[in-house]
Amino acid sequence: MKKLVAIMLTLVLGLTAVGGCSGSPTTSGTASGTETQTQTQTQTQTAAASGAIKIIFGTGASEASYFGQSLKYLEEIVNERMAGEVEFKVYLGEQLGDATSMLENLQVDLQQGWGDSLDTLATYAPDLNITTMAFAFKSTKHVDAFLGSDVGKSIFNKLESNNIVVTDYSFDRLPRSFVSTKPIAKASDMKGLKWRIPNIEIYEKNFSALGAVPTYVAWSEYPYALMTGVVDAGDASQEDIVPNGLYLSAPYISLVEYAYPKNCVVLNTQTWNKMTAGQQETYTKCCADAAAYFRDLLETAWEADQKTILDSKGEFVEIDRQSFLDAVVNYASELEAANFWDTKDLYDHVQSLSY
């Protein structure tokens, strides 16, 4: 009984830490309408009266999450360094709606900024889907090389044509790995396991290819689903494992590092174009500093989290990584045939990159 109470308490506290998976929040956390609407209207009126550029910035991240903390830091330094020129206000925890709603808000200028997982923007630039493909990349530097290539530049051009300017994508999260109720050392260990996925099609493809049975579970329900056996396993960025209590019911951690996710911050083009070149440079520097702050938070947190997992009788499973690579050897061609991206032979391009 004590163990159950401890688990439930940890889940309640942990679920305040992170609000989503792979940038696609699974619940609509729109704030009680009148309060949030009044706040945003007040900011708009104040900014208009002062002549400052207003930026209403939304995210699914909670205040306690590492990304949420970093966005509050961004708010602080933008308002400090660009006082009188820009008024920046961040709304955390889906106060302005889920990711889809917020991206739609950008289009009609109901909000001016948004931040979350970069791959969420694959809706507008399908080539970004490859950044979530299992085992397509070998490191974050590899992902950076892709985003800096001609194909990457075309991605950002396509986003700009859809009214989205990415002002920074160096909020590098820790690699995505597995949590499970029994050890997963090789790909065959995944066969038949009920595998938690978000409501994103490429995740279903990833884990079907690896032999698991994809099972959609909202992020907010993920720890409870593991505890009650609704799912046997799932994946998470490593920084999410402890704050969300995933390790309590799924104590076997397989550091397969199958993807290297990134968060980003964006503005709509209307707001970006209101800025002078000097203001754009200052704002971009603020975003880069907030990203560095985020990376520092994660590095410190993961060191402590590994100890927490071991102290709680968790186990880091020794893996045969090649077995996972062998399981997805024909996967890229299947995704390309299914039109998961626009660029022909995109996987081959990724593998040819130097970094």
Protein backbone atom coordinates (compact mmCIF):
# COMPACT_ATOMS: atom_id res chain seq x y z
CA MET A 1 0.00 0.00 0.00
CA LYS A 2 2.80 2.41 0.91
CA LYS A 3 4.47 1.66 -2.42
CA LEU A 4 1.26 2.42 -4.32
CA VAL A 5 0.81 5.72 -2.48
CA ALA A 6 4.43 6.64 -3.20
CA ILE A 7 4.01 5.82 -6.87
CA MET A 8 0.80 7.82 -7.20
CA LEU A 9 2.33 10.81 -5.40
CA THR A 10 5.33 10.71 -7.70
CA LEU A 11 3.06 10.54 -10.73
CA VAL A 12 1.06 13.57 -9.58
CA LEU A 13 4.23 15.56 -9.05
CA GLY A 14 5.98 14.20 -12.14
CA LEU A 15 3.19 14.93 -14.57
CA THR A 16 3.54 18.62 -13.83
CA ALA A 17 7.05 18.44 -15.20
CA VAL A 18 6.49 17.76 -18.89
CA GLY A 19 3.41 18.27 -21.00
CA GLY A 20 3.90 16.22 -24.14
CA CYS A 21 5.76 13.79 -26.29
CA SER A 22 7.56 14.61 -29.50
CA GLY A 23 5.99 18.02 -29.51
CA SER A 24 2.44 16.80 -29.93
CA PRO A 25 0.49 17.45 -26.76
CA THR A 26 -2.10 14.77 -26.29
CA THR A 27 -4.66 16.69 -24.31
CA SER A 28 -6.17 20.06 -24.96
CA GLY A 29 -5.23 22.29 -22.07
CA THR A 30 -6.97 25.45 -23.26
CA ALA A 31 -7.22 27.79 -20.30
CA SER A 32 -10.51 28.91 -18.91
CA GLY A 33 -11.32 31.10 -21.84
CA THR A 34 -12.22 34.42 -20.29
CA GLU A 35 -9.16 34.65 -18.05
CA THR A 36 -6.60 33.88 -20.77
CA GLN A 37 -8.46 35.98 -23.34
CA THR A 38 -8.48 38.94 -20.96
CA GLN A 39 -4.74 38.53 -20.30
CA THR A 40 -3.82 38.41 -23.98
CA GLN A 41 -6.11 41.34 -24.84
CA THR A 42 -4.57 43.41 -22.06
CA GLN A 43 -1.05 42.67 -23.32
CA THR A 44 -2.06 43.57 -26.88
CA GLN A 45 -3.55 46.89 -25.78
CA THR A 46 -0.53 47.72 -23.60
CA ALA A 47 1.94 46.91 -26.37
CA ALA A 48 -0.04 48.94 -28.90
CA ALA A 49 -0.13 51.93 -26.58
CA SER A 50 3.64 51.80 -26.02
CA GLY A 51 4.52 51.18 -29.66
CA ALA A 52 6.32 47.96 -28.73
CA ILE A 53 6.05 44.77 -30.80
CA LYS A 54 3.88 42.32 -28.89
CA ILE A 55 4.74 38.62 -28.76
CA ILE A 56 2.17 36.31 -27.20
CA PHE A 57 4.05 33.01 -27.03
CA GLY A 58 2.38 29.65 -26.37
CA THR A 59 3.67 26.18 -25.52
CA GLY A 60 2.49 22.86 -24.14
CA ALA A 61 5.39 22.76 -21.66
CA SER A 62 4.56 23.16 -17.98
CA GLU A 63 6.24 25.67 -15.69
CA ALA A 64 8.11 22.88 -13.90
CA SER A 65 9.47 21.31 -17.08
CA TYR A 66 12.98 22.08 -18.28
CA PHE A 67 11.66 23.57 -21.50
CA GLY A 68 9.08 25.61 -19.59
CA GLN A 69 11.80 26.98 -17.32
CA SER A 70 13.87 27.88 -20.37
CA LEU A 71 10.98 29.72 -22.00
CA LYS A 72 10.44 31.74 -18.84
CA TYR A 73 14.13 32.61 -19.02
CA LEU A 74 13.62 33.66 -22.65
CA GLU A 75 10.74 35.89 -21.55
CA GLU A 76 12.96 37.49 -18.93
CA ILE A 77 15.91 38.26 -21.19
CA VAL A 78 13.83 39.44 -24.17
CA ASN A 79 11.93 41.91 -21.98
CA GLU A 80 15.20 43.04 -20.38
CA ARG A 81 17.32 43.39 -23.53
CA MET A 82 14.54 44.72 -25.76
CA ALA A 83 12.71 46.90 -23.25
CA GLY A 84 10.50 49.43 -24.99
CA GLU A 85 10.87 47.59 -28.31
CA VAL A 86 9.31 44.18 -27.62
CA GLU A 87 6.84 42.96 -25.00
CA PHE A 88 7.08 39.18 -24.66
CA LYS A 89 4.71 37.01 -22.65
CA VAL A 90 4.87 33.21 -22.53
CA TYR A 91 1.77 31.10 -21.81
CA LEU A 92 2.69 27.64 -20.53
CA GLY A 93 0.79 24.38 -20.21
CA GLU A 94 -1.42 24.70 -23.30
CA GLN A 95 -3.14 27.80 -21.96
CA LEU A 96 -3.61 28.92 -25.58
CA GLY A 97 -4.68 25.48 -26.83
CA ASP A 98 -2.99 22.31 -28.02
CA ALA A 99 -0.14 22.35 -30.54
CA THR A 100 -2.46 22.25 -33.55
CA SER A 101 -4.56 25.12 -32.21
CA MET A 102 -1.52 27.25 -31.39
CA LEU A 103 0.01 26.77 -34.83
CA GLU A 104 -3.32 27.81 -36.33
CA ASN A 105 -3.31 30.85 -34.03
CA LEU A 106 0.04 31.87 -35.54
CA GLN A 107 -1.48 31.93 -39.00
CA VAL A 108 -4.10 34.53 -38.05
CA ASP A 109 -1.86 36.41 -35.60
CA LEU A 110 -3.90 35.55 -32.50
CA GLN A 111 -0.52 34.63 -31.04
CA GLN A 112 2.86 35.49 -32.40
CA GLY A 113 5.17 32.78 -31.05
CA TRP A 114 5.20 29.06 -30.26
CA GLY A 115 7.71 26.54 -28.95
CA ASP A 116 7.83 22.75 -28.74
CA SER A 117 9.29 19.77 -30.61
CA LEU A 118 10.68 20.61 -34.04
CA ASP A 119 9.17 17.50 -35.64
CA THR A 120 5.68 18.86 -34.90
CA LEU A 121 6.28 21.17 -37.87
CA ALA A 122 6.40 18.18 -40.24
CA THR A 123 2.75 19.03 -40.92
CA TYR A 124 4.10 21.95 -42.96
CA ALA A 125 7.45 20.46 -44.05
CA PRO A 126 7.16 16.64 -44.33
CA ASP A 127 10.93 16.12 -44.68
CA LEU A 128 11.12 16.76 -40.92
CA ASN A 129 9.49 13.35 -40.40
CA ILE A 130 12.85 11.69 -40.95
CA THR A 131 14.16 13.27 -37.73
CA THR A 132 11.73 10.96 -35.87
CA MET A 133 12.45 7.84 -37.92
CA ALA A 134 13.93 5.11 -35.72
CA PHE A 135 17.73 4.88 -36.04
CA ALA A 136 17.99 7.29 -38.99
CA PHE A 137 20.57 9.43 -37.15
CA LYS A 138 23.60 8.61 -35.05
CA SER A 139 23.82 11.75 -32.92
CA THR A 140 22.51 15.27 -32.40
CA LYS A 141 25.42 16.52 -34.52
CA HIS A 142 24.16 14.28 -37.32
CA VAL A 143 20.71 15.90 -37.06
CA ASP A 144 22.36 19.33 -37.10
CA ALA A 145 24.25 18.40 -40.28
CA PHE A 146 20.96 17.44 -41.93
CA LEU A 147 19.22 20.65 -40.88
CA GLY A 148 22.20 22.65 -42.13
CA SER A 149 22.26 20.91 -45.52
CA ASP A 150 20.53 22.14 -48.68
CA VAL A 151 17.58 19.89 -47.85
CA GLY A 152 17.43 21.40 -44.37
CA LYS A 153 17.47 24.90 -45.82
CA SER A 154 14.56 23.96 -48.07
CA ILE A 155 12.67 22.79 -44.97
CA PHE A 156 13.03 26.18 -43.31
CA ASN A 157 12.11 27.96 -46.55
CA LYS A 158 8.95 25.85 -46.73
CA LEU A 159 8.12 26.75 -43.14
CA GLU A 160 8.57 30.45 -43.90
CA SER A 161 6.22 30.09 -46.87
CA ASN A 162 3.74 28.78 -44.30
CA ASN A 163 4.16 31.85 -42.08
CA ILE A 164 6.58 30.22 -39.61
CA VAL A 165 10.07 31.56 -38.89
CA VAL A 166 12.19 29.22 -36.75
CA THR A 167 14.34 31.52 -34.63
CA ASP A 168 16.24 28.70 -32.89
CA TYR A 169 16.23 24.89 -33.01
CA SER A 170 19.18 24.19 -30.71
CA PHE A 171 17.06 23.26 -27.67
CA ASP A 172 18.63 19.81 -27.90
CA ARG A 173 16.82 17.20 -25.85
CA LEU A 174 18.44 14.00 -24.63
CA PRO A 175 18.15 10.93 -26.89
CA ARG A 176 14.96 8.91 -27.00
CA SER A 177 15.26 5.54 -25.26
CA PHE A 178 13.01 2.75 -23.96
CA VAL A 179 11.33 2.13 -20.60
CA SER A 180 9.78 -1.28 -20.00
CA THR A 181 8.36 -3.69 -17.44
CA LYS A 182 10.80 -6.39 -18.53
CA PRO A 183 14.32 -6.13 -19.96
CA ILE A 184 14.71 -5.19 -23.64
CA ALA A 185 18.23 -6.06 -24.72
CA LYS A 186 17.62 -6.78 -28.42
CA ALA A 187 14.96 -6.11 -31.03
CA SER A 188 13.35 -9.54 -30.69
CA ASP A 189 12.55 -8.73 -27.04
CA MET A 190 10.04 -6.16 -28.32
CA LYS A 191 7.90 -8.68 -30.21
CA GLY A 192 4.28 -8.55 -29.06
CA LEU A 193 4.84 -5.93 -26.36
CA LYS A 194 2.03 -3.38 -25.97
CA TRP A 195 3.95 -0.22 -26.79
CA ARG A 196 2.80 3.24 -25.83
CA ILE A 197 2.83 5.73 -28.71
CA PRO A 198 1.54 9.28 -29.13
CA ASN A 199 -1.08 9.99 -31.76
CA ILE A 200 1.54 10.48 -34.49
CA GLU A 201 1.66 8.08 -37.43
CA ILE A 202 5.42 7.73 -37.74
CA TYR A 203 5.63 6.45 -34.15
CA GLU A 204 3.19 3.70 -35.08
CA LYS A 205 5.40 2.84 -38.06
CA ASN A 206 8.57 2.89 -35.92
CA PHE A 207 7.39 0.39 -33.37
CA SER A 208 5.46 -1.85 -35.74
CA ALA A 209 8.72 -2.22 -37.69
CA LEU A 210 10.43 -3.28 -34.47
CA GLY A 211 7.81 -5.94 -33.72
CA ALA A 212 5.84 -4.25 -30.94
CA VAL A 213 2.08 -3.62 -30.83
CA PRO A 214 1.59 0.17 -30.93
CA THR A 215 -1.01 1.36 -28.42
CA TYR A 216 -2.09 4.99 -28.33
CA VAL A 217 -2.00 6.46 -24.82
CA ALA A 218 -2.11 10.17 -24.02
CA TRP A 219 1.07 11.53 -22.42
CA SER A 220 -0.80 12.46 -19.25
CA GLU A 221 -1.95 8.83 -18.90
CA TYR A 222 1.38 7.20 -19.75
CA PRO A 223 2.68 6.47 -16.20
CA TYR A 224 -0.68 5.05 -15.11
CA ALA A 225 -0.89 2.93 -18.26
CA LEU A 226 2.49 1.37 -17.39
CA MET A 227 1.43 0.81 -13.77
CA THR A 228 -1.85 -0.91 -14.69
CA GLY A 229 -0.54 -2.97 -17.61
CA VAL A 230 -2.40 -1.12 -20.34
CA VAL A 231 1.04 -0.95 -21.97
CA ASP A 232 4.20 -2.93 -21.32
CA ALA A 233 6.71 -0.39 -22.54
CA GLY A 234 7.26 2.84 -24.39
CA ASP A 235 9.84 5.44 -25.24
CA ALA A 236 10.81 8.83 -23.86
CA SER A 237 13.55 11.38 -24.06
CA GLN A 238 15.90 10.51 -21.23
CA GLU A 239 15.20 13.72 -19.31
CA ASP A 240 11.49 12.76 -19.08
CA ILE A 241 11.96 9.36 -17.41
CA VAL A 242 12.36 10.43 -13.78
CA PRO A 243 10.26 13.63 -13.55
CA ASN A 244 7.27 11.71 -14.91
CA GLY A 245 7.77 8.62 -12.76
CA LEU A 246 8.05 6.28 -15.74
CA TYR A 247 10.82 4.28 -14.09
CA LEU A 248 8.63 3.37 -11.09
CA SER A 249 6.44 0.95 -13.03
CA ALA A 250 8.85 0.35 -15.93
CA PRO A 251 12.19 -0.02 -14.14
CA TYR A 252 14.15 -1.42 -17.10
CA ILE A 253 15.82 1.35 -19.08
CA SER A 254 17.32 0.54 -22.48
CA LEU A 255 19.48 3.41 -23.70
CA VAL A 256 19.00 2.60 -27.38
CA GLU A 257 19.09 6.29 -28.39
CA TYR A 258 16.94 5.65 -31.45
CA ALA A 259 16.30 9.37 -32.15
CA TYR A 260 17.76 12.73 -31.16
CA PRO A 261 14.86 15.15 -30.65
CA LYS A 262 15.03 18.93 -30.72
CA ASN A 263 12.73 21.61 -29.45
CA CYS A 264 12.44 24.89 -31.29
CA VAL A 265 11.02 28.39 -30.92
CA VAL A 266 9.23 30.19 -33.76
CA LEU A 267 7.56 33.48 -34.64
CA ASN A 268 5.01 34.14 -37.33
CA THR A 269 6.31 36.08 -40.32
CA GLN A 270 4.16 39.13 -39.55
CA THR A 271 5.95 39.63 -36.25
CA TRP A 272 9.41 38.78 -37.59
CA ASN A 273 9.00 41.31 -40.40
CA LYS A 274 7.99 44.04 -37.97
CA MET A 275 11.47 43.87 -36.44
CA THR A 276 14.43 45.79 -37.76
CA ALA A 277 17.56 43.83 -38.68
CA GLY A 278 19.08 44.88 -35.36
CA GLN A 279 16.03 43.73 -33.40
CA GLN A 280 16.03 40.41 -35.23
CA GLU A 281 19.68 39.91 -34.29
CA THR A 282 19.03 40.72 -30.62
CA TYR A 283 15.96 38.48 -30.47
CA THR A 284 17.79 35.59 -32.14
CA LYS A 285 20.64 35.94 -29.62
CA CYS A 286 18.09 35.77 -26.78
CA CYS A 287 16.72 32.52 -28.24
CA ALA A 288 20.23 31.06 -28.53
CA ASP A 289 20.97 31.97 -24.89
CA ALA A 290 17.72 30.35 -23.74
CA ALA A 291 18.65 27.20 -25.70
CA ALA A 292 22.06 27.09 -23.99
CA TYR A 293 20.30 27.46 -20.62
CA PHE A 294 18.04 24.51 -21.55
CA ARG A 295 20.96 22.28 -22.52
CA ASP A 296 22.75 23.04 -19.25
CA LEU A 297 19.63 22.13 -17.27
CA LEU A 298 19.38 18.76 -18.99
CA GLU A 299 23.02 17.84 -18.54
CA THR A 300 22.82 18.45 -14.79
CA ALA A 301 19.43 16.74 -14.44
CA TRP A 302 20.36 13.51 -16.22
CA GLU A 303 23.34 12.92 -13.96
CA ALA A 304 21.06 13.05 -10.93
CA ASP A 305 18.27 11.09 -12.62
CA GLN A 306 20.49 8.09 -13.37
CA LYS A 307 21.32 7.84 -9.67
CA THR A 308 17.63 8.11 -8.77
CA ILE A 309 16.79 5.21 -11.11
CA LEU A 310 19.51 2.98 -9.65
CA ASP A 311 18.62 3.91 -6.05
CA SER A 312 15.03 2.87 -6.78
CA LYS A 313 16.12 -0.61 -7.95
CA GLY A 314 15.88 0.37 -11.59
CA GLU A 315 18.21 -1.21 -14.11
CA PHE A 316 20.04 0.01 -17.20
CA VAL A 317 19.87 -2.90 -19.64
CA GLU A 318 22.93 -3.80 -21.68
CA ILE A 319 21.74 -3.75 -25.29
CA ASP A 320 22.66 -5.23 -28.66
CA ARG A 321 22.15 -2.07 -30.73
CA GLN A 322 22.95 -3.80 -34.02
CA SER A 323 19.89 -6.02 -33.60
CA PHE A 324 17.67 -2.93 -33.66
CA LEU A 325 19.44 -1.57 -36.73
CA ASP A 326 18.99 -4.92 -38.51
CA ALA A 327 15.26 -4.90 -37.70
CA VAL A 328 14.72 -1.63 -39.60
CA VAL A 329 17.06 -2.26 -42.54
CA ASN A 330 14.26 -1.87 -45.15
CA TYR A 331 12.23 0.62 -43.15
CA ALA A 332 13.35 3.81 -44.92
CA SER A 333 12.18 2.64 -48.34
CA GLU A 334 8.80 1.72 -46.86
CA LEU A 335 8.38 5.20 -45.37
CA GLU A 336 9.41 6.89 -48.61
CA ALA A 337 6.97 4.75 -50.59
CA ALA A 338 4.26 5.82 -48.14
CA ASN A 339 5.10 9.51 -48.79
CA PHE A 340 6.30 10.30 -45.29
CA TRP A 341 8.61 12.91 -46.82
CA ASP A 342 8.88 14.88 -50.04
CA THR A 343 12.53 14.54 -51.04
CA LYS A 344 13.41 11.44 -53.04
CA ASP A 345 16.11 9.23 -51.46
CA LEU A 346 16.06 11.38 -48.33
CA TYR A 347 17.36 8.57 -46.11
CA ASP A 348 20.36 8.07 -48.39
CA HIS A 349 21.04 11.79 -48.23
CA VAL A 350 21.00 11.65 -44.42
CA GLN A 351 23.43 8.71 -44.37
CA SER A 352 25.84 10.49 -46.73
CA LEU A 353 26.26 13.54 -44.52
CA SER A 354 29.56 14.39 -42.84
CA TYR A 355 29.39 15.79 -39.32
